[in-house]
Protein backbone atom coordinates (compact mmCIF):
# COMPACT_ATOMS: atom_id res chain seq x y z
CA MET A 1 -39.64 221.76 224.85
CA LEU A 2 -37.30 224.37 223.55
CA LEU A 3 -36.70 227.62 226.42
CA ARG A 4 -34.48 230.08 225.58
CA GLN A 5 -35.01 231.33 229.09
CA PRO A 6 -35.59 229.16 232.56
CA LEU A 7 -39.28 228.84 233.24
CA TRP A 8 -41.43 226.93 235.64
CA LEU A 9 -44.68 226.52 234.73
CA LEU A 10 -47.54 225.37 237.03
CA LEU A 11 -50.58 224.16 234.42
CA SER A 12 -54.20 224.91 235.86
CA PHE A 13 -56.36 224.28 233.14
CA ALA A 14 -60.36 224.92 233.03
CA SER A 15 -62.91 221.56 232.06
CA TRP A 16 -65.29 224.21 230.00
CA THR A 17 -64.70 225.17 226.07
CA LEU A 18 -65.76 228.61 225.45
CA ALA A 19 -64.60 231.57 218.83
CA ASP A 20 -61.56 233.32 218.44
CA VAL A 21 -59.46 233.80 220.99
CA GLU A 22 -59.76 237.48 222.44
CA PHE A 23 -56.91 237.14 226.11
CA ILE A 24 -58.90 238.95 229.03
CA ARG A 25 -56.24 237.95 231.91
CA PRO A 26 -53.71 239.60 232.11
CA SER A 27 -55.76 242.67 231.53
CA ALA A 28 -54.24 246.03 229.60
CA GLY A 29 -51.96 247.49 231.31
CA ALA A 30 -52.12 245.27 234.39
CA SER A 31 -49.18 244.49 236.43
CA VAL A 32 -48.47 240.97 237.40
CA ALA A 33 -45.28 239.96 239.92
CA GLY A 34 -42.18 238.49 238.11
CA GLY A 35 -41.74 234.97 239.52
CA SER A 36 -45.20 234.24 241.17
CA THR A 37 -48.25 232.31 239.76
CA PHE A 38 -50.37 234.26 237.33
CA GLU A 39 -53.72 233.32 235.72
CA ILE A 40 -54.19 232.98 232.51
CA GLU A 41 -57.56 233.08 231.03
CA TRP A 42 -59.22 234.21 227.52
CA ARG A 43 -62.85 233.93 225.79
CA ASP A 44 -64.64 234.04 222.63
CA SER A 45 -63.91 237.21 220.84
CA GLY A 46 -67.27 237.09 218.62
CA GLU A 47 -64.69 236.43 215.47
CA ALA A 48 -64.82 233.63 213.63
CA PRO A 49 -63.45 231.02 213.64
CA SER A 50 -65.14 230.14 216.81
CA ILE A 51 -63.21 228.43 219.76
CA SER A 52 -65.38 225.23 219.12
CA ASP A 53 -63.34 225.26 215.82
CA LEU A 54 -60.04 225.61 217.55
CA THR A 55 -58.24 222.31 218.01
CA THR A 56 -55.03 223.05 219.47
CA TYR A 57 -52.84 225.53 220.40
CA ARG A 58 -49.77 227.37 221.52
CA LEU A 59 -49.08 229.16 224.08
CA PHE A 60 -45.74 232.23 224.60
CA LEU A 61 -44.67 234.98 226.39
CA CYS A 62 -43.13 237.63 223.75
CA THR A 63 -42.01 241.47 224.04
CA GLY A 64 -40.19 243.85 221.84
CA GLY A 65 -42.70 246.02 219.23
CA ASN A 66 -46.12 245.52 217.57
CA ASP A 67 -44.59 245.49 214.32
CA ASN A 68 -41.66 242.66 215.61
CA PRO A 69 -42.94 240.35 218.12
CA ILE A 70 -39.71 238.74 220.39
CA GLU A 71 -40.70 234.98 221.37
CA LEU A 72 -39.05 234.97 225.26
CA VAL A 73 -40.17 231.67 225.75
CA THR A 74 -42.76 229.46 225.12
CA LEU A 75 -45.28 228.92 227.93
CA GLN A 76 -46.95 225.63 226.63
CA HIS A 77 -46.06 223.64 223.08
CA HIS A 78 -49.62 221.38 222.88
CA GLY A 79 -52.38 222.52 224.92
CA LYS A 80 -55.90 221.85 224.43
CA PHE A 81 -58.90 223.85 223.61
CA SER A 82 -61.23 220.91 224.72
CA LYS A 83 -59.72 221.51 228.15
CA GLY A 84 -60.04 224.43 229.12
CA ASN A 85 -59.99 227.81 228.59
CA LYS A 86 -57.43 229.33 231.20
CA PHE A 87 -53.53 228.52 231.91
CA SER A 88 -51.58 229.43 235.57
CA GLY A 89 -48.08 229.51 235.39
CA SER A 90 -44.67 231.42 236.93
CA VAL A 91 -41.55 233.10 235.25
CA LYS A 92 -38.49 233.46 236.73
CA ALA A 93 -37.31 237.12 237.33
CA SER A 94 -34.21 236.99 235.81
CA MET A 95 -36.07 236.48 232.48
CA GLY A 96 -36.36 240.18 231.33
CA ALA A 97 -36.48 243.62 233.00
CA SER A 98 -39.50 245.10 234.62
CA THR A 99 -39.25 248.56 232.59
CA PRO A 100 -40.12 250.00 230.45
CA GLU A 101 -43.65 249.12 231.12
CA ASN A 102 -46.35 247.21 229.28
CA ALA A 103 -43.28 245.28 227.35
CA TYR A 104 -44.69 242.07 227.66
CA PHE A 105 -47.58 239.83 225.98
CA LEU A 106 -48.87 236.87 225.13
CA LYS A 107 -49.10 235.16 221.25
CA MET A 108 -51.39 232.13 220.96
CA THR A 109 -51.33 229.96 217.68
CA SER A 110 -54.11 228.15 217.06
CA SER A 111 -55.21 225.17 214.91
CA THR A 112 -58.95 225.06 213.83
CA THR A 113 -60.86 221.61 212.12
CA SER A 114 -60.13 223.04 209.10
CA GLY A 115 -56.41 223.11 208.89
CA GLU A 116 -56.12 227.63 209.34
CA THR A 117 -53.94 229.07 211.71
CA ILE A 118 -54.63 231.92 214.13
CA ILE A 119 -52.39 233.85 215.89
CA ASN A 120 -53.88 236.01 218.47
CA PHE A 121 -51.95 238.41 220.57
CA SER A 122 -52.95 239.79 224.12
CA PRO A 123 -53.09 243.70 225.36
CA ARG A 124 -49.76 244.71 226.73
CA PHE A 125 -49.06 244.09 230.36
CA THR A 126 -46.08 244.41 233.07
CA LEU A 127 -43.72 242.29 234.96
CA THR A 128 -43.08 243.84 237.91
CA GLY A 129 -39.55 242.42 240.63
CA MET A 130 -37.96 241.31 237.23
CA THR A 131 -34.38 241.08 237.85
CA GLY A 132 -32.85 240.43 233.99
CA THR A 133 -32.02 242.79 230.81
CA PHE A 134 -33.89 243.31 227.05
CA SER A 135 -31.54 243.63 224.56
CA GLN A 136 -31.40 246.51 222.35
CA THR A 137 -33.30 244.98 219.56
CA VAL A 138 -36.16 244.51 222.15
CA LEU A 139 -35.83 247.75 223.38
CA ASP A 140 -35.69 249.31 220.13
CA GLY A 141 -38.72 247.72 219.42
CA LEU A 142 -40.62 249.02 222.78
CA LYS A 143 -39.67 252.26 221.63
CA THR A 144 -42.27 252.19 218.65
CA VAL A 145 -45.11 251.52 221.06
CA GLN A 146 -48.03 253.85 222.44
CA GLY A 147 -50.29 252.56 224.84
CA THR A 148 -51.38 248.35 225.70
CA GLN A 149 -52.75 247.34 221.85
CA GLY A 150 -50.83 244.51 221.34
CA PRO A 151 -50.18 243.59 217.52
CA PRO A 152 -53.18 242.16 214.91
CA THR A 153 -54.33 239.16 214.39
CA ILE A 154 -53.22 236.92 211.43
CA GLU A 155 -54.67 234.23 210.03
CA GLN A 156 -53.49 231.87 207.88
CA SER A 157 -55.31 229.76 205.78
CA PRO A 158 -53.62 225.99 204.92
CA GLU A 159 -52.92 227.22 201.37
CA GLY A 160 -50.36 229.43 203.61
CA GLU A 161 -52.32 232.54 202.48
CA LEU A 162 -52.08 235.53 205.82
CA LYS A 163 -54.73 237.67 206.30
CA LYS A 164 -53.67 240.10 208.94
CA ARG A 165 -57.08 241.91 210.71
CA GLN A 166 -55.51 245.02 210.82
CA ALA A 167 -52.10 245.89 210.31
CA PRO A 168 -48.63 243.74 209.08
CA ALA A 169 -46.98 241.44 210.67
CA GLY A 170 -43.38 242.18 210.78
CA PRO A 171 -41.08 244.88 208.61
CA ALA A 172 -39.17 245.25 206.13
CA ALA A 173 -35.98 244.58 207.52
CA SER A 174 -37.15 241.51 209.10
CA TYR A 175 -37.44 239.84 205.58
CA GLU A 176 -34.25 241.03 204.39
CA VAL A 177 -32.15 239.05 207.47
CA PRO A 178 -31.23 235.69 205.76
CA TYR A 179 -33.66 232.28 207.01
CA THR A 180 -30.99 230.60 208.28
CA LEU A 181 -29.17 233.34 210.55
CA GLN A 182 -33.08 233.87 212.32
CA ALA A 183 -34.05 232.78 215.40
CA GLY A 184 -37.18 231.98 217.01
CA PRO A 185 -40.44 230.34 216.33
CA THR A 186 -41.41 232.39 213.51
CA ARG A 187 -39.15 233.06 211.01
CA TYR A 188 -39.69 235.32 207.96
CA ALA A 189 -39.21 235.74 204.33
CA PRO A 190 -38.48 237.46 201.86
CA MET A 191 -41.19 237.98 198.40
CA GLN A 192 -40.25 235.77 195.78
CA PRO A 193 -38.67 237.54 192.77
CA LEU A 194 -40.16 239.10 189.82
CA PRO A 195 -38.79 236.74 186.59
CA GLY A 196 -37.06 238.72 184.11
CA THR A 197 -38.48 239.85 180.25
CA LYS A 198 -35.05 238.29 178.78
CA ILE A 199 -32.93 235.66 179.31
CA THR A 200 -29.26 236.92 179.75
CA LYS A 201 -27.35 234.38 181.25
CA LYS A 202 -25.94 231.35 180.00
CA ASP A 203 -25.08 229.28 182.82
CA ALA A 204 -27.41 228.78 185.78
CA SER A 205 -26.09 229.62 189.14
CA PRO A 206 -27.71 230.21 193.03
CA LEU A 207 -28.99 232.78 194.12
CA HIS A 208 -28.10 232.11 197.83
CA PRO A 209 -25.00 230.01 198.89
CA MET A 210 -25.27 226.64 200.07
CA THR A 211 -25.78 225.36 203.21
CA SER A 212 -24.71 222.47 205.11
CA ILE A 213 -26.85 219.44 205.77
CA THR A 214 -26.59 217.03 208.65
CA ILE A 215 -27.77 213.46 208.18
CA ALA A 216 -30.23 212.09 210.72
CA LYS A 217 -29.34 209.16 212.36
CA THR A 218 -31.18 209.14 215.58
CA TRP A 219 -34.60 210.59 216.68
CA MET A 220 -34.43 214.59 215.91
CA PRO A 221 -35.71 217.03 218.33
CA ALA A 222 -39.10 218.28 217.82
CA PRO A 223 -39.28 221.31 215.34
CA THR A 224 -38.26 224.84 216.81
CA ILE A 225 -40.18 226.99 213.95
CA SER A 226 -43.94 227.04 213.87
CA THR A 227 -44.43 229.85 211.37
CA THR A 228 -43.31 231.34 208.13
CA ILE A 229 -43.75 234.69 207.18
CA THR A 230 -43.94 235.83 203.12
CA GLN A 231 -42.94 239.54 202.65
CA GLU A 232 -46.29 239.89 200.25
CA PRO A 233 -45.50 241.22 196.68
CA THR A 234 -45.32 244.69 196.00
CA HIS A 235 -45.82 243.96 192.12
CA SER A 236 -49.12 243.29 189.73
CA VAL A 237 -49.07 240.49 187.49
CA GLN A 238 -51.35 240.72 184.65
CA SER A 239 -52.55 236.83 182.23
CA ARG A 240 -53.51 236.92 178.62
CA VAL A 241 -54.42 234.20 175.94
CA ASN A 242 -51.97 233.04 174.34
CA ASP A 243 -53.66 233.10 171.04
CA ALA A 244 -50.41 232.12 168.88
CA THR A 245 -51.97 229.57 166.00
CA PRO A 246 -51.04 226.37 166.87
CA ALA A 247 -47.49 223.91 164.77
CA SER A 248 -49.29 222.58 162.35
CA LYS A 249 -46.06 219.84 161.88
CA PRO A 250 -46.89 216.81 164.38
CA ASN A 251 -45.33 216.37 167.71
CA ASP A 252 -43.13 213.61 169.44
CA MET A 253 -45.88 211.81 169.99
CA GLN A 254 -48.04 211.93 166.83
CA LYS A 255 -44.74 210.74 165.36
CA PHE A 256 -44.62 207.53 167.37
CA LEU A 257 -47.80 206.22 167.15
CA ALA A 258 -47.79 206.35 163.45
CA ARG A 259 -45.01 204.74 163.45
CA TRP A 260 -47.85 201.59 164.45
CA LYS A 261 -50.52 202.27 161.75
CA ASP A 262 -48.73 199.46 159.53
């Protein structure tokens, strides 16, 4: 497990399983003492898929704005829904700040039996007694927040198609940061460029500078990137049937087969 900040966890799971996740603890606007054990609990949200169709999950503590959630630390790297709907842990007080209020929320990335990925967020809550500080990026994001509602749920199909139930997952600025310069388990990729109507270049050149690689000679650590969100296209594409008359002369394969007629 890769931790950006120190974290000590005490795991405690219920033995029964309950759709799509709705967090019920910590509740919206709750105050939780930083550095002490607190309970995380979820239930069936009533949205498809049902929790019985979910297999594994990852759980993160997040902060920042709803348009650009920032994952502070991974709480659970490979949880199983078959082991229950509760998780208990404690967060070290130096991990973040206590102000402004409702600066924290939870993110759960779940996998379904059919290969889909569901990303649920909890309501916002406050960690009191925290002795750390927030970065300016976090503070700027928190200034955009009103109330205790967390980010909207995100659904991702096995083919990678994203469906937001309420609003987009990230601001336009996130897609402008080069992929290799981004940090955290969630990365943002710009939309695919629209091809031109004419070929004007004589030589091909890369769109982006080359990056170095390192050949693995031993076992590599677990991947740290869990999700890549690609910017939705702003252009539309129209298709039409190619009604051009086929060429009458034989193609190369016909010429090849004709050699063996005699």
